[in-house]
Amino acid sequence: MARIQKDRGGWQPQATLNRQDPGLIHVHGLGINPADGTLYAATHTGLFTVRDGAGQRVADRLQDTTGFTVVGPTTSWAAATPTSATSS
């Protein structure tokens, strides 16, 4: 599992997108950040925030985020594997 935490430095991408972004599809898990009420969606194509019915990618990468849970304000745990759409 990889710990995902947003701080002053922002999110650190591990692999950048190298083709058209498929967007928020195939949801594996949902969680709400108790600090600000933001809804997160862990999907087959990465981690997204959801506001006003639209998904916004959290980082510039694709991964199959198969496990996800919010463990506290601004802190989540996720398990993910790269997809064929990531660069090396």
N, C-alpha and C. Protein backbone atom coordinates (compact mmCIF):
# COMPACT_ATOMS: atom_id res chain seq x y z
N MET A 1 0.84 -1.18 0.00
CA MET A 1 0.00 0.00 0.00
C MET A 1 0.88 1.24 0.00
N ALA A 2 0.39 2.27 -0.64
CA ALA A 2 1.09 3.55 -0.68
C ALA A 2 0.28 4.58 0.08
N ARG A 3 0.93 5.34 0.90
CA ARG A 3 0.24 6.40 1.63
C ARG A 3 0.12 7.59 0.71
N ILE A 4 -1.08 8.16 0.63
CA ILE A 4 -1.33 9.32 -0.21
C ILE A 4 -1.71 10.46 0.70
N GLN A 5 -0.92 11.53 0.69
CA GLN A 5 -1.21 12.68 1.54
C GLN A 5 -0.87 13.95 0.78
N LYS A 6 -1.79 14.87 0.77
CA LYS A 6 -1.56 16.15 0.11
C LYS A 6 -1.07 17.14 1.16
N ASP A 7 0.01 17.82 0.86
CA ASP A 7 0.51 18.83 1.76
C ASP A 7 0.97 20.04 0.94
N ARG A 8 1.76 20.91 1.53
CA ARG A 8 2.20 22.11 0.81
C ARG A 8 2.94 21.80 -0.47
N GLY A 9 3.59 20.65 -0.54
CA GLY A 9 4.32 20.27 -1.74
C GLY A 9 3.44 19.72 -2.84
N GLY A 10 2.18 19.42 -2.52
CA GLY A 10 1.24 18.88 -3.52
C GLY A 10 1.46 17.40 -3.73
N TRP A 11 0.79 16.86 -4.72
CA TRP A 11 0.89 15.44 -5.05
C TRP A 11 2.13 15.21 -5.90
N GLN A 12 2.81 14.13 -5.69
CA GLN A 12 4.01 13.80 -6.45
C GLN A 12 3.70 12.67 -7.43
N PRO A 13 3.60 12.97 -8.72
CA PRO A 13 3.28 11.92 -9.69
C PRO A 13 4.40 10.90 -9.82
N GLN A 14 4.04 9.63 -9.97
CA GLN A 14 5.03 8.57 -10.18
C GLN A 14 5.21 8.29 -11.66
N ALA A 15 4.15 8.38 -12.43
CA ALA A 15 4.22 8.16 -13.88
C ALA A 15 3.21 9.10 -14.53
N THR A 16 3.62 9.82 -15.52
CA THR A 16 2.75 10.80 -16.13
C THR A 16 1.93 10.18 -17.25
N LEU A 17 0.83 10.85 -17.57
CA LEU A 17 -0.03 10.39 -18.65
C LEU A 17 0.70 10.51 -19.98
N ASN A 18 0.59 9.51 -20.83
CA ASN A 18 1.25 9.59 -22.13
C ASN A 18 0.28 9.38 -23.28
N ARG A 19 -1.02 9.40 -22.98
CA ARG A 19 -2.03 9.37 -24.03
C ARG A 19 -3.31 9.99 -23.47
N GLN A 20 -4.36 10.03 -24.26
CA GLN A 20 -5.60 10.66 -23.83
C GLN A 20 -6.11 10.05 -22.53
N ASP A 21 -6.49 10.91 -21.60
CA ASP A 21 -6.98 10.48 -20.29
C ASP A 21 -8.37 9.86 -20.42
N PRO A 22 -8.55 8.60 -19.97
CA PRO A 22 -9.86 7.97 -20.07
C PRO A 22 -10.87 8.50 -19.05
N GLY A 23 -10.40 9.21 -18.03
CA GLY A 23 -11.30 9.80 -17.04
C GLY A 23 -11.72 8.84 -15.95
N LEU A 24 -12.76 9.23 -15.22
CA LEU A 24 -13.23 8.50 -14.05
C LEU A 24 -14.14 7.35 -14.52
N ILE A 25 -13.60 6.14 -14.49
CA ILE A 25 -14.36 4.95 -14.87
C ILE A 25 -14.08 3.82 -13.88
N HIS A 26 -14.96 2.86 -13.77
CA HIS A 26 -14.78 1.63 -12.99
C HIS A 26 -14.34 1.95 -11.55
N VAL A 27 -15.25 2.45 -10.75
CA VAL A 27 -14.96 2.87 -9.37
C VAL A 27 -14.74 1.65 -8.48
N HIS A 28 -13.63 1.66 -7.73
CA HIS A 28 -13.30 0.61 -6.76
C HIS A 28 -13.65 1.02 -5.33
N GLY A 29 -13.58 2.31 -5.03
CA GLY A 29 -13.83 2.75 -3.66
C GLY A 29 -14.12 4.24 -3.60
N LEU A 30 -14.82 4.65 -2.54
CA LEU A 30 -15.14 6.05 -2.31
C LEU A 30 -14.77 6.41 -0.88
N GLY A 31 -14.40 7.67 -0.67
CA GLY A 31 -14.10 8.14 0.68
C GLY A 31 -14.28 9.64 0.75
N ILE A 32 -14.65 10.13 1.93
CA ILE A 32 -14.84 11.56 2.15
C ILE A 32 -13.77 12.05 3.12
N ASN A 33 -13.06 13.10 2.72
CA ASN A 33 -12.07 13.73 3.59
C ASN A 33 -12.81 14.50 4.68
N PRO A 34 -12.66 14.12 5.95
CA PRO A 34 -13.39 14.81 7.01
C PRO A 34 -12.92 16.26 7.23
N ALA A 35 -11.77 16.62 6.70
CA ALA A 35 -11.27 17.98 6.88
C ALA A 35 -12.07 19.00 6.07
N ASP A 36 -12.51 18.60 4.86
CA ASP A 36 -13.20 19.57 4.01
C ASP A 36 -14.41 19.01 3.27
N GLY A 37 -14.74 17.73 3.49
CA GLY A 37 -15.91 17.14 2.85
C GLY A 37 -15.71 16.72 1.41
N THR A 38 -14.47 16.76 0.92
CA THR A 38 -14.20 16.36 -0.47
C THR A 38 -14.42 14.87 -0.64
N LEU A 39 -15.16 14.50 -1.70
CA LEU A 39 -15.38 13.11 -2.05
C LEU A 39 -14.25 12.64 -2.96
N TYR A 40 -13.63 11.51 -2.63
CA TYR A 40 -12.59 10.90 -3.46
C TYR A 40 -13.13 9.62 -4.05
N ALA A 41 -12.77 9.36 -5.32
CA ALA A 41 -13.15 8.12 -6.00
C ALA A 41 -11.87 7.43 -6.46
N ALA A 42 -11.65 6.22 -5.96
CA ALA A 42 -10.53 5.38 -6.39
C ALA A 42 -11.04 4.52 -7.54
N THR A 43 -10.38 4.60 -8.69
CA THR A 43 -10.91 3.96 -9.89
C THR A 43 -9.88 3.11 -10.61
N HIS A 44 -10.33 2.46 -11.64
CA HIS A 44 -9.48 1.65 -12.51
C HIS A 44 -8.44 2.52 -13.23
N THR A 45 -8.67 3.83 -13.26
CA THR A 45 -7.77 4.75 -13.96
C THR A 45 -7.15 5.80 -13.05
N GLY A 46 -7.20 5.62 -11.73
CA GLY A 46 -6.55 6.54 -10.82
C GLY A 46 -7.47 7.08 -9.74
N LEU A 47 -6.99 8.09 -9.04
CA LEU A 47 -7.72 8.71 -7.93
C LEU A 47 -8.27 10.06 -8.39
N PHE A 48 -9.53 10.32 -8.06
CA PHE A 48 -10.21 11.54 -8.48
C PHE A 48 -10.90 12.19 -7.29
N THR A 49 -11.05 13.52 -7.34
CA THR A 49 -11.99 14.21 -6.47
C THR A 49 -13.26 14.38 -7.28
N VAL A 50 -14.39 14.39 -6.59
CA VAL A 50 -15.68 14.56 -7.27
C VAL A 50 -16.39 15.76 -6.67
N ARG A 51 -16.68 16.74 -7.54
CA ARG A 51 -17.40 17.94 -7.11
C ARG A 51 -18.42 18.29 -8.19
N ASP A 52 -19.61 18.61 -7.78
CA ASP A 52 -20.67 19.01 -8.71
C ASP A 52 -20.86 18.00 -9.83
N GLY A 53 -20.70 16.72 -9.51
CA GLY A 53 -20.94 15.65 -10.48
C GLY A 53 -19.82 15.41 -11.47
N ALA A 54 -18.69 16.11 -11.32
CA ALA A 54 -17.57 15.94 -12.25
C ALA A 54 -16.33 15.46 -11.51
N GLY A 55 -15.58 14.57 -12.16
CA GLY A 55 -14.35 14.05 -11.57
C GLY A 55 -13.14 14.85 -12.01
N GLN A 56 -12.23 15.11 -11.08
CA GLN A 56 -10.97 15.81 -11.36
C GLN A 56 -9.83 14.91 -10.89
N ARG A 57 -8.94 14.55 -11.81
CA ARG A 57 -7.81 13.68 -11.48
C ARG A 57 -6.95 14.34 -10.40
N VAL A 58 -6.55 13.55 -9.39
CA VAL A 58 -5.74 14.07 -8.29
C VAL A 58 -4.29 14.28 -8.72
N ALA A 59 -3.75 13.43 -9.53
CA ALA A 59 -2.35 13.55 -9.97
C ALA A 59 -2.26 13.23 -11.46
N ASP A 60 -1.18 13.62 -12.06
CA ASP A 60 -0.96 13.41 -13.49
C ASP A 60 -0.43 11.99 -13.74
N ARG A 61 -1.24 10.98 -13.40
CA ARG A 61 -0.84 9.60 -13.60
C ARG A 61 -2.06 8.69 -13.70
N LEU A 62 -1.85 7.56 -14.33
CA LEU A 62 -2.87 6.52 -14.38
C LEU A 62 -2.39 5.35 -13.55
N GLN A 63 -3.30 4.79 -12.76
CA GLN A 63 -3.01 3.58 -12.01
C GLN A 63 -4.33 2.93 -11.68
N ASP A 64 -4.32 1.63 -11.49
CA ASP A 64 -5.52 0.91 -11.09
C ASP A 64 -5.57 0.95 -9.57
N THR A 65 -6.31 1.89 -9.01
CA THR A 65 -6.39 2.08 -7.57
C THR A 65 -7.46 1.13 -7.04
N THR A 66 -7.02 -0.06 -6.62
CA THR A 66 -7.95 -1.12 -6.26
C THR A 66 -8.37 -1.09 -4.80
N GLY A 67 -7.59 -0.47 -3.95
CA GLY A 67 -7.93 -0.36 -2.54
C GLY A 67 -7.81 1.09 -2.11
N PHE A 68 -8.75 1.56 -1.29
CA PHE A 68 -8.72 2.96 -0.88
C PHE A 68 -9.53 3.14 0.40
N THR A 69 -8.97 3.89 1.34
CA THR A 69 -9.71 4.25 2.55
C THR A 69 -9.17 5.56 3.10
N VAL A 70 -10.06 6.37 3.62
CA VAL A 70 -9.69 7.61 4.30
C VAL A 70 -9.42 7.24 5.75
N VAL A 71 -8.24 7.62 6.28
CA VAL A 71 -7.89 7.28 7.65
C VAL A 71 -7.91 8.48 8.60
N GLY A 72 -8.11 9.67 8.04
CA GLY A 72 -8.18 10.88 8.86
C GLY A 72 -8.20 12.10 7.97
N PRO A 73 -8.27 13.27 8.57
CA PRO A 73 -8.27 14.50 7.79
C PRO A 73 -7.04 14.59 6.88
N THR A 74 -7.26 14.76 5.58
CA THR A 74 -6.26 14.91 4.52
C THR A 74 -5.32 13.70 4.38
N THR A 75 -5.66 12.55 4.97
CA THR A 75 -4.81 11.37 4.87
C THR A 75 -5.62 10.16 4.43
N SER A 76 -5.11 9.48 3.38
CA SER A 76 -5.77 8.29 2.85
C SER A 76 -4.71 7.23 2.60
N TRP A 77 -5.16 5.97 2.55
CA TRP A 77 -4.30 4.86 2.16
C TRP A 77 -4.87 4.28 0.87
N ALA A 78 -3.96 3.90 -0.02
CA ALA A 78 -4.41 3.32 -1.30
C ALA A 78 -3.47 2.20 -1.72
N ALA A 79 -4.03 1.24 -2.42
CA ALA A 79 -3.24 0.18 -3.07
C ALA A 79 -3.50 0.32 -4.55
N ALA A 80 -2.44 0.33 -5.35
CA ALA A 80 -2.61 0.55 -6.79
C ALA A 80 -1.53 -0.16 -7.56
N THR A 81 -1.84 -0.48 -8.80
CA THR A 81 -0.88 -1.03 -9.73
C THR A 81 -0.87 -0.17 -10.99
N PRO A 82 0.26 -0.09 -11.69
CA PRO A 82 0.30 0.70 -12.92
C PRO A 82 -0.62 0.09 -13.98
N THR A 83 -1.05 0.93 -14.89
CA THR A 83 -1.83 0.44 -16.02
C THR A 83 -0.95 0.50 -17.26
N SER A 84 -1.43 -0.05 -18.34
CA SER A 84 -0.65 -0.04 -19.59
C SER A 84 -0.55 1.36 -20.17
N ALA A 85 -1.27 2.31 -19.62
CA ALA A 85 -1.26 3.68 -20.15
C ALA A 85 -0.23 4.57 -19.47
N THR A 86 0.60 4.04 -18.56
CA THR A 86 1.60 4.85 -17.89
C THR A 86 2.93 4.79 -18.63
N SER A 87 3.68 5.85 -18.47
CA SER A 87 5.01 5.87 -19.08
C SER A 87 6.00 5.22 -18.15
N SER A 88 7.18 4.89 -18.63
CA SER A 88 8.17 4.23 -17.78
C SER A 88 8.95 5.21 -16.97
